[in-house]
C-alpha cells in the first residue's frame, strides 16, 4: 500500500451553512478521490455508501482495474504484456514486491516455493475426514486456516517473516487444491516434485496416477500460467476487502487468507467461476461437447 498523495485541488462540502474543505487525493493512475477522514471530527457527520461502491479503503499501486474500458494492470504493467511474456511465479513476485524479479531474485523465490511445496504429513489426515463430494472451497479454507497450527514459528514476527509466509501460502495452496481433487476422485495423492515448474507441478499433482503417468503438455502449462496471471489480483474486491478487514483485527495471515477464501466462495464473487465450470461439465456429460 502506498502513502497518500494529496493533490492541489480541494472539494467543498456545505452543511447547515458551514463550508468544509476536503482534500482531493490523486491515485496512481490519475483517478481522484475526496478525503473525508476528518469530516466526522469536524462536522459530526459521517457518509453513507451502501456496499462501499464509491468508497476507497486505501491508496494502492498494486492493481488498476477498469472493467468498462477493459483495462487490468499490475504495478503499471498491462495484463496483456504480463500474460504474454511472464510466468505466474514472476507475476506473483511482482504483485508482492512491486517489481519484476531479476534472475537471481526469481531463482531465490522459486527455491522458496519448492521448499514449501509439501504440507505437513499430519495435515493429510484431515482430508480423510471430508466426504468425497465436499465443496473444494470449504476444504481449502479450513486447510489454510490450519497452517498456523503447523507453522507457528511464522507468527512470532509476522512482518519479518512476511515473504516466507507469502511463499508458503502460494506454494501450499496448489498442493492442498490438488490433494482435495485426488481425495474427491478416490485416487492416491501425488506429491510435488522439485524438477517441475509451479504450474507443471500443479498439473502433475492433479492428473498423475500409478496406472497412467501424466505427460506434461507445454501448451496446457502456458494456458494455466495465463489463467493464474489473469486471476492474480483484482483490486479491492470482496475477498481482498475481507482479508484486510480480518487482518485489521491483528489475526494471523493464514486466518485472514482463509476468510478471503470464504468470500471468494460466494456465487457473486469467485463462486461464479465454479458455477460456469459446473455448467460446462454438465453440458459435456450430456453429450454437448
Protein backbone atom coordinates (compact mmCIF):
# COMPACT_ATOMS: atom_id res chain seq x y z
CA UNK A 1 0.00 0.00 0.00
CA UNK A 2 1.21 3.48 -0.87
CA UNK A 3 1.38 6.73 1.05
CA UNK A 4 -1.43 9.18 0.35
CA UNK A 5 -0.64 11.70 -2.42
CA UNK A 6 -2.58 14.92 -1.78
CA UNK A 7 -3.37 16.89 -4.92
CA UNK A 8 -3.63 20.65 -5.25
CA UNK A 9 -7.41 20.54 -5.56
CA UNK A 10 -9.89 20.63 -2.70
CA UNK A 11 -13.60 19.88 -2.54
CA UNK A 12 -16.09 22.00 -0.64
CA UNK A 13 -18.95 20.47 1.33
CA UNK A 14 -21.61 22.80 2.68
CA UNK A 15 -23.65 21.64 5.70
CA UNK A 16 -26.04 23.94 7.57
CA UNK A 17 -24.36 26.97 6.06
CA UNK A 18 -20.85 25.91 7.06
CA UNK A 19 -18.28 25.04 4.39
CA UNK A 20 -15.79 22.23 4.91
CA UNK A 21 -12.64 21.97 2.81
CA UNK A 22 -11.84 18.36 1.91
CA UNK A 23 -8.52 17.33 0.34
CA UNK A 24 -8.51 15.63 -3.06
CA UNK A 25 -6.28 12.56 -3.31
CA UNK A 26 -4.68 11.61 -6.62
CA UNK A 27 -4.41 7.89 -7.35
CA UNK A 28 -1.53 6.08 -9.03
CA UNK A 29 -3.48 6.03 -12.33
CA UNK A 30 -4.65 9.64 -12.07
CA UNK A 31 -8.03 8.89 -10.52
CA UNK A 32 -9.24 11.32 -7.88
CA UNK A 33 -10.87 10.78 -4.51
CA UNK A 34 -12.22 13.10 -1.83
CA UNK A 35 -10.57 12.52 1.54
CA UNK A 36 -13.32 12.53 4.18
CA UNK A 37 -11.32 11.14 7.09
CA UNK A 38 -11.58 14.38 9.05
CA UNK A 39 -15.25 15.01 8.24
CA UNK A 40 -16.75 13.39 11.34
CA UNK A 41 -14.37 15.13 13.71
CA UNK A 42 -15.03 18.50 12.08
CA UNK A 43 -18.77 18.27 11.46
CA UNK A 44 -20.19 15.32 13.38
CA UNK A 45 -21.43 13.83 10.12
CA UNK A 46 -20.49 10.50 8.54
CA UNK A 47 -21.06 9.33 4.97
CA UNK A 48 -23.37 6.53 3.83
CA UNK A 49 -22.30 4.36 0.91
CA UNK A 50 -24.09 1.01 0.84
CA UNK A 51 -21.75 -1.69 -0.39
CA UNK A 52 -18.85 0.81 -0.48
CA UNK A 53 -19.29 1.03 -4.25
CA UNK A 54 -17.99 4.61 -4.26
CA UNK A 55 -15.50 4.34 -1.41
CA UNK A 56 -11.80 3.55 -1.48
CA UNK A 57 -10.37 1.99 1.68
CA UNK A 58 -6.74 2.78 0.93
CA UNK A 59 -4.27 4.11 -1.61
CA UNK A 60 -2.57 1.33 -3.55
CA UNK A 61 -0.38 0.99 -6.64
CA UNK A 62 -0.74 -2.80 -6.87
CA UNK A 63 -3.64 -3.23 -9.29
CA UNK A 64 -5.68 -0.96 -11.52
CA UNK A 65 -8.93 -2.31 -12.94
CA UNK A 66 -11.41 -0.60 -15.23
CA UNK A 67 -13.95 -3.17 -16.35
CA UNK A 68 -15.83 -0.76 -18.60
CA UNK A 69 -12.66 0.05 -20.56
CA UNK A 70 -11.26 -3.48 -20.38
CA UNK A 71 -8.13 -2.37 -18.52
CA UNK A 72 -6.27 -4.50 -15.99
CA UNK A 73 -2.71 -3.75 -14.89
CA UNK A 74 -0.43 -4.93 -12.11
CA UNK A 75 2.13 -2.46 -10.79
CA UNK A 76 1.74 -0.45 -14.00
CA UNK A 77 2.23 -3.43 -16.33
CA UNK A 78 -0.63 -4.22 -18.72
CA UNK A 79 -2.12 -7.66 -18.15
CA UNK A 80 -1.67 -8.47 -21.85
CA UNK A 81 2.11 -7.97 -21.62
CA UNK A 82 2.40 -9.97 -18.41
CA UNK A 83 0.37 -12.86 -19.80
CA UNK A 84 2.45 -12.90 -22.97
CA UNK A 85 5.94 -12.60 -21.50
CA UNK A 86 5.85 -13.74 -17.85
CA UNK A 87 5.12 -16.82 -15.79
CA UNK A 88 2.74 -16.83 -12.86
CA UNK A 89 5.67 -17.05 -10.43
CA UNK A 90 7.18 -13.88 -11.89
CA UNK A 91 3.85 -12.07 -11.64
CA UNK A 92 3.33 -13.28 -8.06
CA UNK A 93 6.72 -11.78 -7.21
CA UNK A 94 5.72 -8.55 -8.97
CA UNK A 95 2.49 -8.26 -7.00
CA UNK A 96 4.25 -8.97 -3.72
CA UNK A 97 7.42 -6.90 -4.16
CA UNK A 98 6.46 -4.18 -6.63
CA UNK A 99 8.95 -5.11 -9.35
CA UNK A 100 9.56 -7.96 -11.74
CA UNK A 101 12.30 -10.23 -10.38
CA UNK A 102 15.85 -10.36 -11.63
CA UNK A 103 17.19 -13.80 -12.48
CA UNK A 104 18.75 -14.04 -9.02
CA UNK A 105 15.52 -12.93 -7.31
CA UNK A 106 13.45 -15.32 -9.41
CA UNK A 107 15.78 -18.20 -8.60
CA UNK A 108 15.61 -17.46 -4.88
CA UNK A 109 11.81 -17.09 -4.93
CA UNK A 110 11.37 -20.30 -6.94
CA UNK A 111 13.57 -22.15 -4.46
CA UNK A 112 11.35 -20.93 -1.62
CA UNK A 113 8.26 -22.17 -3.44
CA UNK A 114 9.90 -25.54 -3.93
CA UNK A 115 10.96 -25.71 -0.30
CA UNK A 116 7.43 -25.02 0.95
CA UNK A 117 5.52 -27.17 -1.56
CA UNK A 118 4.90 -30.05 0.84
CA UNK A 119 2.23 -29.98 3.53
CA UNK A 120 2.79 -31.46 6.96
CA UNK A 121 2.03 -35.19 6.88
CA UNK A 122 -0.38 -34.83 9.80
CA UNK A 123 -2.46 -32.43 7.70
CA UNK A 124 -3.02 -35.15 5.12
CA UNK A 125 -5.17 -36.97 7.66
CA UNK A 126 -7.62 -34.08 7.54
CA UNK A 127 -8.60 -34.99 4.00
CA UNK A 128 -9.89 -38.36 5.22
CA UNK A 129 -12.50 -36.54 7.32
CA UNK A 130 -14.17 -34.85 4.36
CA UNK A 131 -16.85 -36.58 2.29
CA UNK A 132 -15.82 -37.12 -1.35
CA UNK A 133 -18.32 -34.50 -2.55
CA UNK A 134 -17.18 -31.77 -0.14
CA UNK A 135 -17.05 -28.28 -1.66
CA UNK A 136 -13.41 -27.62 -2.63
CA UNK A 137 -13.50 -24.08 -1.24
CA UNK A 138 -14.58 -25.40 2.16
CA UNK A 139 -11.61 -27.76 2.22
CA UNK A 140 -9.19 -25.08 1.03
CA UNK A 141 -10.39 -22.56 3.61
CA UNK A 142 -10.11 -24.92 6.56
CA UNK A 143 -6.74 -26.29 5.45
CA UNK A 144 -5.26 -22.82 5.01
CA UNK A 145 -6.58 -21.80 8.43
CA UNK A 146 -4.90 -24.89 9.90
CA UNK A 147 -1.47 -23.87 8.63
CA UNK A 148 -0.97 -21.59 11.64
CA UNK A 149 -1.07 -24.65 13.91
CA UNK A 150 1.65 -26.45 11.98
CA UNK A 151 3.89 -23.46 11.29
CA UNK A 152 3.54 -21.28 14.42
CA UNK A 153 7.11 -20.01 14.14
CA UNK A 154 5.91 -17.65 11.42
CA UNK A 155 3.50 -15.94 13.82
CA UNK A 156 6.05 -14.56 16.28
CA UNK A 157 7.44 -11.87 13.96
CA UNK A 158 4.92 -11.70 11.11
CA UNK A 159 6.37 -8.60 9.44
CA UNK A 160 9.87 -10.08 9.43
CA UNK A 161 8.55 -13.37 8.04
CA UNK A 162 6.03 -11.96 5.57
CA UNK A 163 7.99 -13.09 2.49
CA UNK A 164 8.28 -16.64 3.81
CA UNK A 165 4.60 -16.73 4.79
CA UNK A 166 3.55 -15.47 1.35
CA UNK A 167 5.75 -18.04 -0.40
CA UNK A 168 4.42 -20.78 1.85
CA UNK A 169 0.82 -19.87 1.01
CA UNK A 170 1.44 -19.55 -2.73
CA UNK A 171 3.16 -22.92 -2.78
CA UNK A 172 0.95 -24.92 -0.44
CA UNK A 173 -2.37 -23.74 -1.87
CA UNK A 174 -1.74 -25.64 -5.11
CA UNK A 175 -0.77 -28.77 -3.13
CA UNK A 176 -3.90 -28.53 -0.98
CA UNK A 177 -6.07 -28.00 -4.06
CA UNK A 178 -4.53 -30.99 -5.84
CA UNK A 179 -4.85 -33.22 -2.78
CA UNK A 180 -8.50 -32.17 -2.42
CA UNK A 181 -9.16 -33.17 -6.01
CA UNK A 182 -7.42 -36.52 -5.61
CA UNK A 183 -9.45 -37.31 -2.49
CA UNK A 184 -12.69 -36.43 -4.28
CA UNK A 185 -11.72 -38.83 -7.06
CA UNK A 186 -10.71 -41.60 -4.66
CA UNK A 187 -7.20 -41.63 -6.08
CA UNK A 188 -3.84 -41.75 -4.25
CA UNK A 189 -2.14 -38.44 -3.56
CA UNK A 190 0.66 -37.27 -5.82
CA UNK A 191 3.40 -35.34 -4.03
CA UNK A 192 5.06 -32.23 -5.51
CA UNK A 193 8.28 -32.58 -7.47
CA UNK A 194 11.25 -30.22 -7.35
CA UNK A 195 12.07 -30.68 -11.03
CA UNK A 196 8.81 -29.19 -12.29
CA UNK A 197 7.71 -25.58 -12.64
CA UNK A 198 4.94 -24.16 -10.47
CA UNK A 199 2.12 -24.81 -12.96
CA UNK A 200 3.54 -28.09 -14.29
CA UNK A 201 3.82 -29.32 -10.71
CA UNK A 202 0.19 -28.50 -10.02
CA UNK A 203 -0.99 -30.28 -13.16
CA UNK A 204 1.12 -33.32 -12.32
CA UNK A 205 -0.27 -33.50 -8.77
CA UNK A 206 -3.78 -33.24 -10.19
CA UNK A 207 -3.64 -35.76 -13.02
CA UNK A 208 -0.74 -38.16 -12.50
CA UNK A 209 -1.71 -41.68 -11.40
CA UNK A 210 0.05 -45.02 -10.79
CA UNK A 211 -1.66 -46.61 -13.79
CA UNK A 212 -1.30 -43.68 -16.19
CA UNK A 213 1.60 -41.26 -15.63
CA UNK A 214 0.75 -37.70 -16.58
CA UNK A 215 2.65 -36.28 -19.54
CA UNK A 216 3.43 -32.59 -19.13
CA UNK A 217 1.89 -30.65 -22.01
CA UNK A 218 3.65 -27.31 -22.52
CA UNK A 219 0.55 -25.81 -24.14
CA UNK A 220 -1.56 -26.64 -21.09
CA UNK A 221 1.17 -25.30 -18.78
CA UNK A 222 1.23 -22.00 -20.68
CA UNK A 223 -2.56 -21.79 -20.57
CA UNK A 224 -2.60 -22.36 -16.81
CA UNK A 225 0.08 -19.71 -16.34
CA UNK A 226 -2.05 -17.20 -18.24
CA UNK A 227 -5.16 -18.16 -16.27
CA UNK A 228 -3.41 -17.71 -12.92
CA UNK A 229 -1.87 -14.43 -14.04
CA UNK A 230 -5.29 -13.12 -15.05
CA UNK A 231 -6.70 -14.05 -11.63
CA UNK A 232 -3.62 -12.89 -9.71
CA UNK A 233 -5.23 -9.78 -8.23
CA UNK A 234 -8.40 -7.82 -8.87
CA UNK A 235 -8.03 -4.61 -6.88
CA UNK A 236 -10.14 -4.03 -3.74
CA UNK A 237 -12.74 -6.67 -4.48
CA UNK A 238 -14.84 -8.59 -1.96
CA UNK A 239 -12.23 -11.19 -0.98
CA UNK A 240 -9.41 -8.62 -0.79
CA UNK A 241 -11.55 -6.39 1.41
CA UNK A 242 -12.39 -9.39 3.60
CA UNK A 243 -8.70 -10.21 4.06
CA UNK A 244 -7.96 -6.59 5.00
CA UNK A 245 -10.86 -6.37 7.47
CA UNK A 246 -9.86 -9.64 9.15
CA UNK A 247 -6.22 -8.56 9.21
CA UNK A 248 -7.14 -5.25 10.86
CA UNK A 249 -8.06 -7.27 13.96
CA UNK A 250 -4.41 -8.48 14.05
CA UNK A 251 -5.30 -12.08 13.24
CA UNK A 252 -2.55 -14.10 11.61
CA UNK A 253 -2.06 -14.11 7.85
CA UNK A 254 -3.37 -17.66 7.43
CA UNK A 255 -6.65 -16.80 9.15
CA UNK A 256 -7.01 -13.64 7.06
CA UNK A 257 -6.47 -15.52 3.81
CA UNK A 258 -8.90 -18.22 4.95
CA UNK A 259 -11.54 -15.53 5.45
CA UNK A 260 -10.84 -14.22 1.96
CA UNK A 261 -11.24 -17.72 0.51
CA UNK A 262 -14.69 -17.94 2.10
CA UNK A 263 -15.63 -14.63 0.50
CA UNK A 264 -14.31 -15.88 -2.84
CA UNK A 265 -16.60 -18.88 -2.46
CA UNK A 266 -19.70 -16.70 -2.83
CA UNK A 267 -21.69 -17.03 -6.08
CA UNK A 268 -21.50 -13.27 -6.66
CA UNK A 269 -17.70 -13.36 -6.45
CA UNK A 270 -15.39 -16.24 -7.37
CA UNK A 271 -18.23 -18.71 -7.00
CA UNK A 272 -19.39 -17.61 -10.42
CA UNK A 273 -16.31 -19.30 -11.90
CA UNK A 274 -17.23 -22.55 -10.18
CA UNK A 275 -20.80 -22.27 -11.46
CA UNK A 276 -19.50 -21.90 -15.03
CA UNK A 277 -17.26 -24.95 -14.64
CA UNK A 278 -20.18 -26.99 -13.29
CA UNK A 279 -22.33 -25.87 -16.20
CA UNK A 280 -19.64 -26.84 -18.74
CA UNK A 281 -19.19 -30.21 -17.05
CA UNK A 282 -22.94 -30.84 -17.23
CA UNK A 283 -23.02 -29.89 -20.91
CA UNK A 284 -20.13 -32.27 -21.60
CA UNK A 285 -21.77 -35.12 -19.68
CA UNK A 286 -24.98 -34.62 -21.64
CA UNK A 287 -23.07 -35.02 -24.89
CA UNK A 288 -22.85 -31.37 -25.79
CA UNK A 289 -19.10 -31.24 -26.28
